[in-house]
Amino acid sequence: ADSVKGRFTISRDNAKNTMYLQMNSLKPEDTAV
């Protein structure tokens, strides 16, 4: 999403069957479930 470009990074580890979301430079408007 445009609102998170440059701040968030999505990745996945196939060996661990896990997906990640690294969130940096968090803002109040990122508050959510």
ModelCIF file with pLDDT and N, C-alpha, C, O atoms, coordinates in Angstrom:
data_MODEL
#
_entry.id   MODEL 
#
_entity.id                         1 
_entity.type                       polymer 
_entity.pdbx_number_of_molecules   1 
#
_entity_poly.entity_id                      1 
_entity_poly.type                           'polypeptide(L)' 
_entity_poly.nstd_linkage                   no 
_entity_poly.nstd_monomer                   no 
_entity_poly.pdbx_seq_one_letter_code       ADSVKGRFTISRDNAKNTMYLQMNSLKPEDTAV 
_entity_poly.pdbx_seq_one_letter_code_can   ADSVKGRFTISRDNAKNTMYLQMNSLKPEDTAV 
_entity_poly.pdbx_strand_id                 A 
#
loop_
_entity_poly_seq.entity_id 
_entity_poly_seq.num 
_entity_poly_seq.mon_id 
_entity_poly_seq.hetero 
1 1  ALA n 
1 2  ASP n 
1 3  SER n 
1 4  VAL n 
1 5  LYS n 
1 6  GLY n 
1 7  ARG n 
1 8  PHE n 
1 9  THR n 
1 10 ILE n 
1 11 SER n 
1 12 ARG n 
1 13 ASP n 
1 14 ASN n 
1 15 ALA n 
1 16 LYS n 
1 17 ASN n 
1 18 THR n 
1 19 MET n 
1 20 TYR n 
1 21 LEU n 
1 22 GLN n 
1 23 MET n 
1 24 ASN n 
1 25 SER n 
1 26 LEU n 
1 27 LYS n 
1 28 PRO n 
1 29 GLU n 
1 30 ASP n 
1 31 THR n 
1 32 ALA n 
1 33 VAL n 
#
_struct_asym.id          A 
_struct_asym.entity_id   1 
#
loop_
_ma_qa_metric.id 
_ma_qa_metric.mode 
_ma_qa_metric.name 
_ma_qa_metric.software_group_id 
_ma_qa_metric.type 
1 global pLDDT . pLDDT 
2 local  pLDDT . pLDDT 
#
_ma_qa_metric_global.metric_id      1 
_ma_qa_metric_global.metric_value   97.03 
_ma_qa_metric_global.model_id       1 
_ma_qa_metric_global.ordinal_id     1 
#
loop_
_ma_qa_metric_local.label_asym_id 
_ma_qa_metric_local.label_comp_id 
_ma_qa_metric_local.label_seq_id 
_ma_qa_metric_local.metric_id 
_ma_qa_metric_local.metric_value 
_ma_qa_metric_local.model_id 
_ma_qa_metric_local.ordinal_id 
A ALA 1  2 98.00 1 1  
A ASP 2  2 98.00 1 2  
A SER 3  2 98.00 1 3  
A VAL 4  2 98.00 1 4  
A LYS 5  2 98.00 1 5  
A GLY 6  2 98.00 1 6  
A ARG 7  2 98.00 1 7  
A PHE 8  2 98.00 1 8  
A THR 9  2 98.00 1 9  
A ILE 10 2 98.00 1 10 
A SER 11 2 96.00 1 11 
A ARG 12 2 94.00 1 12 
A ASP 13 2 94.00 1 13 
A ASN 14 2 91.00 1 14 
A ALA 15 2 94.00 1 15 
A LYS 16 2 95.00 1 16 
A ASN 17 2 95.00 1 17 
A THR 18 2 96.00 1 18 
A MET 19 2 97.00 1 19 
A TYR 20 2 98.00 1 20 
A LEU 21 2 98.00 1 21 
A GLN 22 2 98.00 1 22 
A MET 23 2 98.00 1 23 
A ASN 24 2 98.00 1 24 
A SER 25 2 98.00 1 25 
A LEU 26 2 98.00 1 26 
A LYS 27 2 98.00 1 27 
A PRO 28 2 97.00 1 28 
A GLU 29 2 97.00 1 29 
A ASP 30 2 98.00 1 30 
A THR 31 2 98.00 1 31 
A ALA 32 2 98.00 1 32 
A VAL 33 2 98.00 1 33 
#
loop_
_atom_site.group_PDB 
_atom_site.id 
_atom_site.type_symbol 
_atom_site.label_atom_id 
_atom_site.label_alt_id 
_atom_site.label_comp_id 
_atom_site.label_asym_id 
_atom_site.label_entity_id 
_atom_site.label_seq_id 
_atom_site.pdbx_PDB_ins_code 
_atom_site.Cartn_x 
_atom_site.Cartn_y 
_atom_site.Cartn_z 
_atom_site.occupancy 
_atom_site.B_iso_or_equiv 
_atom_site.pdbx_formal_charge 
_atom_site.auth_seq_id 
_atom_site.auth_comp_id 
_atom_site.auth_asym_id 
_atom_site.auth_atom_id 
_atom_site.pdbx_PDB_model_num 
ATOM 1   N N  . ALA A 1 1  ? 0.854  -1.178  0.000  1.00 98.00 ? 1  ALA A N  1 
ATOM 2   C CA . ALA A 1 1  ? 0.000  0.000   0.000  1.00 98.00 ? 1  ALA A CA 1 
ATOM 3   C C  . ALA A 1 1  ? 0.895  1.235   0.000  1.00 98.00 ? 1  ALA A C  1 
ATOM 4   O O  . ALA A 1 1  ? 1.982  1.223   0.578  1.00 98.00 ? 1  ALA A O  1 
ATOM 5   N N  . ASP A 1 2  ? 0.434  2.293   -0.649 1.00 98.00 ? 2  ASP A N  1 
ATOM 6   C CA . ASP A 1 2  ? 1.239  3.512   -0.718 1.00 98.00 ? 2  ASP A CA 1 
ATOM 7   C C  . ASP A 1 2  ? 1.594  4.037   0.665  1.00 98.00 ? 2  ASP A C  1 
ATOM 8   O O  . ASP A 1 2  ? 2.665  4.610   0.866  1.00 98.00 ? 2  ASP A O  1 
ATOM 9   N N  . SER A 1 3  ? 0.696  3.840   1.606  1.00 98.00 ? 3  SER A N  1 
ATOM 10  C CA . SER A 1 3  ? 0.888  4.399   2.944  1.00 98.00 ? 3  SER A CA 1 
ATOM 11  C C  . SER A 1 3  ? 2.022  3.739   3.717  1.00 98.00 ? 3  SER A C  1 
ATOM 12  O O  . SER A 1 3  ? 2.489  4.288   4.715  1.00 98.00 ? 3  SER A O  1 
ATOM 13  N N  . VAL A 1 4  ? 2.474  2.561   3.269  1.00 98.00 ? 4  VAL A N  1 
ATOM 14  C CA . VAL A 1 4  ? 3.528  1.859   4.014  1.00 98.00 ? 4  VAL A CA 1 
ATOM 15  C C  . VAL A 1 4  ? 4.798  1.662   3.194  1.00 98.00 ? 4  VAL A C  1 
ATOM 16  O O  . VAL A 1 4  ? 5.794  1.156   3.711  1.00 98.00 ? 4  VAL A O  1 
ATOM 17  N N  . LYS A 1 5  ? 4.773  2.052   1.931  1.00 98.00 ? 5  LYS A N  1 
ATOM 18  C CA . LYS A 1 5  ? 5.952  1.880   1.082  1.00 98.00 ? 5  LYS A CA 1 
ATOM 19  C C  . LYS A 1 5  ? 7.157  2.582   1.686  1.00 98.00 ? 5  LYS A C  1 
ATOM 20  O O  . LYS A 1 5  ? 7.071  3.726   2.133  1.00 98.00 ? 5  LYS A O  1 
ATOM 21  N N  . GLY A 1 6  ? 8.284  1.877   1.692  1.00 98.00 ? 6  GLY A N  1 
ATOM 22  C CA . GLY A 1 6  ? 9.506  2.440   2.231  1.00 98.00 ? 6  GLY A CA 1 
ATOM 23  C C  . GLY A 1 6  ? 9.650  2.264   3.730  1.00 98.00 ? 6  GLY A C  1 
ATOM 24  O O  . GLY A 1 6  ? 10.725 2.501   4.281  1.00 98.00 ? 6  GLY A O  1 
ATOM 25  N N  . ARG A 1 7  ? 8.568  1.845   4.405  1.00 98.00 ? 7  ARG A N  1 
ATOM 26  C CA . ARG A 1 7  ? 8.625  1.655   5.856  1.00 98.00 ? 7  ARG A CA 1 
ATOM 27  C C  . ARG A 1 7  ? 8.419  0.196   6.247  1.00 98.00 ? 7  ARG A C  1 
ATOM 28  O O  . ARG A 1 7  ? 9.021  -0.277  7.211  1.00 98.00 ? 7  ARG A O  1 
ATOM 29  N N  . PHE A 1 8  ? 7.579  -0.518  5.512  1.00 98.00 ? 8  PHE A N  1 
ATOM 30  C CA . PHE A 1 8  ? 7.262  -1.917  5.818  1.00 98.00 ? 8  PHE A CA 1 
ATOM 31  C C  . PHE A 1 8  ? 7.909  -2.830  4.784  1.00 98.00 ? 8  PHE A C  1 
ATOM 32  O O  . PHE A 1 8  ? 8.065  -2.464  3.619  1.00 98.00 ? 8  PHE A O  1 
ATOM 33  N N  . THR A 1 9  ? 8.281  -4.026  5.236  1.00 98.00 ? 9  THR A N  1 
ATOM 34  C CA . THR A 1 9  ? 8.838  -5.031  4.335  1.00 98.00 ? 9  THR A CA 1 
ATOM 35  C C  . THR A 1 9  ? 8.185  -6.372  4.619  1.00 98.00 ? 9  THR A C  1 
ATOM 36  O O  . THR A 1 9  ? 8.195  -6.855  5.752  1.00 98.00 ? 9  THR A O  1 
ATOM 37  N N  . ILE A 1 10 ? 7.622  -6.964  3.583  1.00 98.00 ? 10 ILE A N  1 
ATOM 38  C CA . ILE A 1 10 ? 7.022  -8.295  3.707  1.00 98.00 ? 10 ILE A CA 1 
ATOM 39  C C  . ILE A 1 10 ? 8.023  -9.326  3.219  1.00 98.00 ? 10 ILE A C  1 
ATOM 40  O O  . ILE A 1 10 ? 8.747  -9.098  2.250  1.00 98.00 ? 10 ILE A O  1 
ATOM 41  N N  . SER A 1 11 ? 8.055  -10.463 3.901  1.00 96.00 ? 11 SER A N  1 
ATOM 42  C CA . SER A 1 11 ? 8.973  -11.528 3.501  1.00 96.00 ? 11 SER A CA 1 
ATOM 43  C C  . SER A 1 11 ? 8.402  -12.861 3.951  1.00 96.00 ? 11 SER A C  1 
ATOM 44  O O  . SER A 1 11 ? 7.431  -12.907 4.705  1.00 96.00 ? 11 SER A O  1 
ATOM 45  N N  . ARG A 1 12 ? 9.005  -13.934 3.488  1.00 94.00 ? 12 ARG A N  1 
ATOM 46  C CA . ARG A 1 12 ? 8.547  -15.256 3.891  1.00 94.00 ? 12 ARG A CA 1 
ATOM 47  C C  . ARG A 1 12 ? 9.744  -16.187 4.004  1.00 94.00 ? 12 ARG A C  1 
ATOM 48  O O  . ARG A 1 12 ? 10.721 -16.066 3.266  1.00 94.00 ? 12 ARG A O  1 
ATOM 49  N N  . ASP A 1 13 ? 9.646  -17.110 4.937  1.00 94.00 ? 13 ASP A N  1 
ATOM 50  C CA . ASP A 1 13 ? 10.656 -18.142 5.138  1.00 94.00 ? 13 ASP A CA 1 
ATOM 51  C C  . ASP A 1 13 ? 9.969  -19.474 4.856  1.00 94.00 ? 13 ASP A C  1 
ATOM 52  O O  . ASP A 1 13 ? 9.241  -20.001 5.697  1.00 94.00 ? 13 ASP A O  1 
ATOM 53  N N  . ASN A 1 14 ? 10.208 -20.004 3.671  1.00 91.00 ? 14 ASN A N  1 
ATOM 54  C CA . ASN A 1 14 ? 9.517  -21.238 3.274  1.00 91.00 ? 14 ASN A CA 1 
ATOM 55  C C  . ASN A 1 14 ? 9.874  -22.408 4.192  1.00 91.00 ? 14 ASN A C  1 
ATOM 56  O O  . ASN A 1 14 ? 9.032  -23.266 4.457  1.00 91.00 ? 14 ASN A O  1 
ATOM 57  N N  . ALA A 1 15 ? 11.090 -22.447 4.668  1.00 94.00 ? 15 ALA A N  1 
ATOM 58  C CA . ALA A 1 15 ? 11.514 -23.556 5.526  1.00 94.00 ? 15 ALA A CA 1 
ATOM 59  C C  . ALA A 1 15 ? 10.762 -23.549 6.861  1.00 94.00 ? 15 ALA A C  1 
ATOM 60  O O  . ALA A 1 15 ? 10.534 -24.599 7.462  1.00 94.00 ? 15 ALA A O  1 
ATOM 61  N N  . LYS A 1 16 ? 10.384 -22.361 7.311  1.00 95.00 ? 16 LYS A N  1 
ATOM 62  C CA . LYS A 1 16 ? 9.670  -22.237 8.587  1.00 95.00 ? 16 LYS A CA 1 
ATOM 63  C C  . LYS A 1 16 ? 8.168  -22.078 8.389  1.00 95.00 ? 16 LYS A C  1 
ATOM 64  O O  . LYS A 1 16 ? 7.425  -21.954 9.362  1.00 95.00 ? 16 LYS A O  1 
ATOM 65  N N  . ASN A 1 17 ? 7.716  -22.079 7.137  1.00 95.00 ? 17 ASN A N  1 
ATOM 66  C CA . ASN A 1 17 ? 6.290  -21.879 6.846  1.00 95.00 ? 17 ASN A CA 1 
ATOM 67  C C  . ASN A 1 17 ? 5.763  -20.620 7.520  1.00 95.00 ? 17 ASN A C  1 
ATOM 68  O O  . ASN A 1 17 ? 4.672  -20.619 8.090  1.00 95.00 ? 17 ASN A O  1 
ATOM 69  N N  . THR A 1 18 ? 6.529  -19.574 7.450  1.00 96.00 ? 18 THR A N  1 
ATOM 70  C CA . THR A 1 18 ? 6.203  -18.343 8.156  1.00 96.00 ? 18 THR A CA 1 
ATOM 71  C C  . THR A 1 18 ? 6.392  -17.136 7.245  1.00 96.00 ? 18 THR A C  1 
ATOM 72  O O  . THR A 1 18 ? 7.336  -17.059 6.459  1.00 96.00 ? 18 THR A O  1 
ATOM 73  N N  . MET A 1 19 ? 5.472  -16.210 7.379  1.00 97.00 ? 19 MET A N  1 
ATOM 74  C CA . MET A 1 19 ? 5.544  -14.930 6.674  1.00 97.00 ? 19 MET A CA 1 
ATOM 75  C C  . MET A 1 19 ? 5.765  -13.842 7.711  1.00 97.00 ? 19 MET A C  1 
ATOM 76  O O  . MET A 1 19 ? 5.314  -13.953 8.851  1.00 97.00 ? 19 MET A O  1 
ATOM 77  N N  . TYR A 1 20 ? 6.458  -12.799 7.309  1.00 98.00 ? 20 TYR A N  1 
ATOM 78  C CA . TYR A 1 20 ? 6.784  -11.720 8.231  1.00 98.00 ? 20 TYR A CA 1 
ATOM 79  C C  . TYR A 1 20 ? 6.365  -10.364 7.668  1.00 98.00 ? 20 TYR A C  1 
ATOM 80  O O  . TYR A 1 20 ? 6.201  -10.189 6.460  1.00 98.00 ? 20 TYR A O  1 
ATOM 81  N N  . LEU A 1 21 ? 6.200  -9.424  8.576  1.00 98.00 ? 21 LEU A N  1 
ATOM 82  C CA . LEU A 1 21 ? 6.021  -8.030  8.183  1.00 98.00 ? 21 LEU A CA 1 
ATOM 83  C C  . LEU A 1 21 ? 6.889  -7.190  9.110  1.00 98.00 ? 21 LEU A C  1 
ATOM 84  O O  . LEU A 1 21 ? 6.571  -7.017  10.286 1.00 98.00 ? 21 LEU A O  1 
ATOM 85  N N  . GLN A 1 22 ? 7.974  -6.677  8.576  1.00 98.00 ? 22 GLN A N  1 
ATOM 86  C CA . GLN A 1 22 ? 8.837  -5.785  9.334  1.00 98.00 ? 22 GLN A CA 1 
ATOM 87  C C  . GLN A 1 22 ? 8.300  -4.375  9.180  1.00 98.00 ? 22 GLN A C  1 
ATOM 88  O O  . GLN A 1 22 ? 8.186  -3.863  8.066  1.00 98.00 ? 22 GLN A O  1 
ATOM 89  N N  . MET A 1 23 ? 7.973  -3.754  10.294 1.00 98.00 ? 23 MET A N  1 
ATOM 90  C CA . MET A 1 23 ? 7.375  -2.418  10.281 1.00 98.00 ? 23 MET A CA 1 
ATOM 91  C C  . MET A 1 23 ? 8.316  -1.452  10.980 1.00 98.00 ? 23 MET A C  1 
ATOM 92  O O  . MET A 1 23 ? 8.592  -1.587  12.172 1.00 98.00 ? 23 MET A O  1 
ATOM 93  N N  . ASN A 1 24 ? 8.800  -0.483  10.231 1.00 98.00 ? 24 ASN A N  1 
ATOM 94  C CA . ASN A 1 24 ? 9.695  0.541   10.766 1.00 98.00 ? 24 ASN A CA 1 
ATOM 95  C C  . ASN A 1 24 ? 9.045  1.915   10.673 1.00 98.00 ? 24 ASN A C  1 
ATOM 96  O O  . ASN A 1 24 ? 8.064  2.109   9.955  1.00 98.00 ? 24 ASN A O  1 
ATOM 97  N N  . SER A 1 25 ? 9.599  2.845   11.397 1.00 98.00 ? 25 SER A N  1 
ATOM 98  C CA . SER A 1 25 ? 9.108  4.239   11.370 1.00 98.00 ? 25 SER A CA 1 
ATOM 99  C C  . SER A 1 25 ? 7.594  4.283   11.566 1.00 98.00 ? 25 SER A C  1 
ATOM 100 O O  . SER A 1 25 ? 6.875  4.931   10.805 1.00 98.00 ? 25 SER A O  1 
ATOM 101 N N  . LEU A 1 26 ? 7.130  3.597   12.580 1.00 98.00 ? 26 LEU A N  1 
ATOM 102 C CA . LEU A 1 26 ? 5.689  3.473   12.794 1.00 98.00 ? 26 LEU A CA 1 
ATOM 103 C C  . LEU A 1 26 ? 5.066  4.815   13.156 1.00 98.00 ? 26 LEU A C  1 
ATOM 104 O O  . LEU A 1 26 ? 5.669  5.651   13.829 1.00 98.00 ? 26 LEU A O  1 
ATOM 105 N N  . LYS A 1 27 ? 3.831  4.986   12.683 1.00 98.00 ? 27 LYS A N  1 
ATOM 106 C CA . LYS A 1 27 ? 3.065  6.210   12.888 1.00 98.00 ? 27 LYS A CA 1 
ATOM 107 C C  . LYS A 1 27 ? 1.772  5.870   13.633 1.00 98.00 ? 27 LYS A C  1 
ATOM 108 O O  . LYS A 1 27 ? 1.331  4.721   13.612 1.00 98.00 ? 27 LYS A O  1 
ATOM 109 N N  . PRO A 1 28 ? 1.167  6.856   14.286 1.00 97.00 ? 28 PRO A N  1 
ATOM 110 C CA . PRO A 1 28 ? -0.108 6.583   14.974 1.00 97.00 ? 28 PRO A CA 1 
ATOM 111 C C  . PRO A 1 28 ? -1.160 6.002   14.032 1.00 97.00 ? 28 PRO A C  1 
ATOM 112 O O  . PRO A 1 28 ? -1.980 5.184   14.449 1.00 97.00 ? 28 PRO A O  1 
ATOM 113 N N  . GLU A 1 29 ? -1.144 6.417   12.774 1.00 97.00 ? 29 GLU A N  1 
ATOM 114 C CA . GLU A 1 29 ? -2.144 5.912   11.821 1.00 97.00 ? 29 GLU A CA 1 
ATOM 115 C C  . GLU A 1 29 ? -1.914 4.460   11.413 1.00 97.00 ? 29 GLU A C  1 
ATOM 116 O O  . GLU A 1 29 ? -2.728 3.880   10.695 1.00 97.00 ? 29 GLU A O  1 
ATOM 117 N N  . ASP A 1 30 ? -0.814 3.876   11.865 1.00 98.00 ? 30 ASP A N  1 
ATOM 118 C CA . ASP A 1 30 ? -0.583 2.448   11.645 1.00 98.00 ? 30 ASP A CA 1 
ATOM 119 C C  . ASP A 1 30 ? -1.295 1.595   12.697 1.00 98.00 ? 30 ASP A C  1 
ATOM 120 O O  . ASP A 1 30 ? -1.323 0.369   12.589 1.00 98.00 ? 30 ASP A O  1 
ATOM 121 N N  . THR A 1 31 ? -1.862 2.235   13.701 1.00 98.00 ? 31 THR A N  1 
ATOM 122 C CA . THR A 1 31 ? -2.581 1.509   14.741 1.00 98.00 ? 31 THR A CA 1 
ATOM 123 C C  . THR A 1 31 ? -3.767 0.772   14.145 1.00 98.00 ? 31 THR A C  1 
ATOM 124 O O  . THR A 1 31 ? -4.619 1.377   13.495 1.00 98.00 ? 31 THR A O  1 
ATOM 125 N N  . ALA A 1 32 ? -3.822 -0.532  14.366 1.00 98.00 ? 32 ALA A N  1 
ATOM 126 C CA . ALA A 1 32 ? -4.877 -1.367  13.797 1.00 98.00 ? 32 ALA A CA 1 
ATOM 127 C C  . ALA A 1 32 ? -4.675 -2.803  14.261 1.00 98.00 ? 32 ALA A C  1 
ATOM 128 O O  . ALA A 1 32 ? -3.664 -3.149  14.873 1.00 98.00 ? 32 ALA A O  1 
ATOM 129 N N  . VAL A 1 33 ? -5.662 -3.618  13.952 1.00 98.00 ? 33 VAL A N  1 
ATOM 130 C CA . VAL A 1 33 ? -5.479 -5.062  14.070 1.00 98.00 ? 33 VAL A CA 1 
ATOM 131 C C  . VAL A 1 33 ? -4.954 -5.550  12.724 1.00 98.00 ? 33 VAL A C  1 
ATOM 132 O O  . VAL A 1 33 ? -4.712 -6.745  12.551 1.00 98.00 ? 33 VAL A O  1 
#
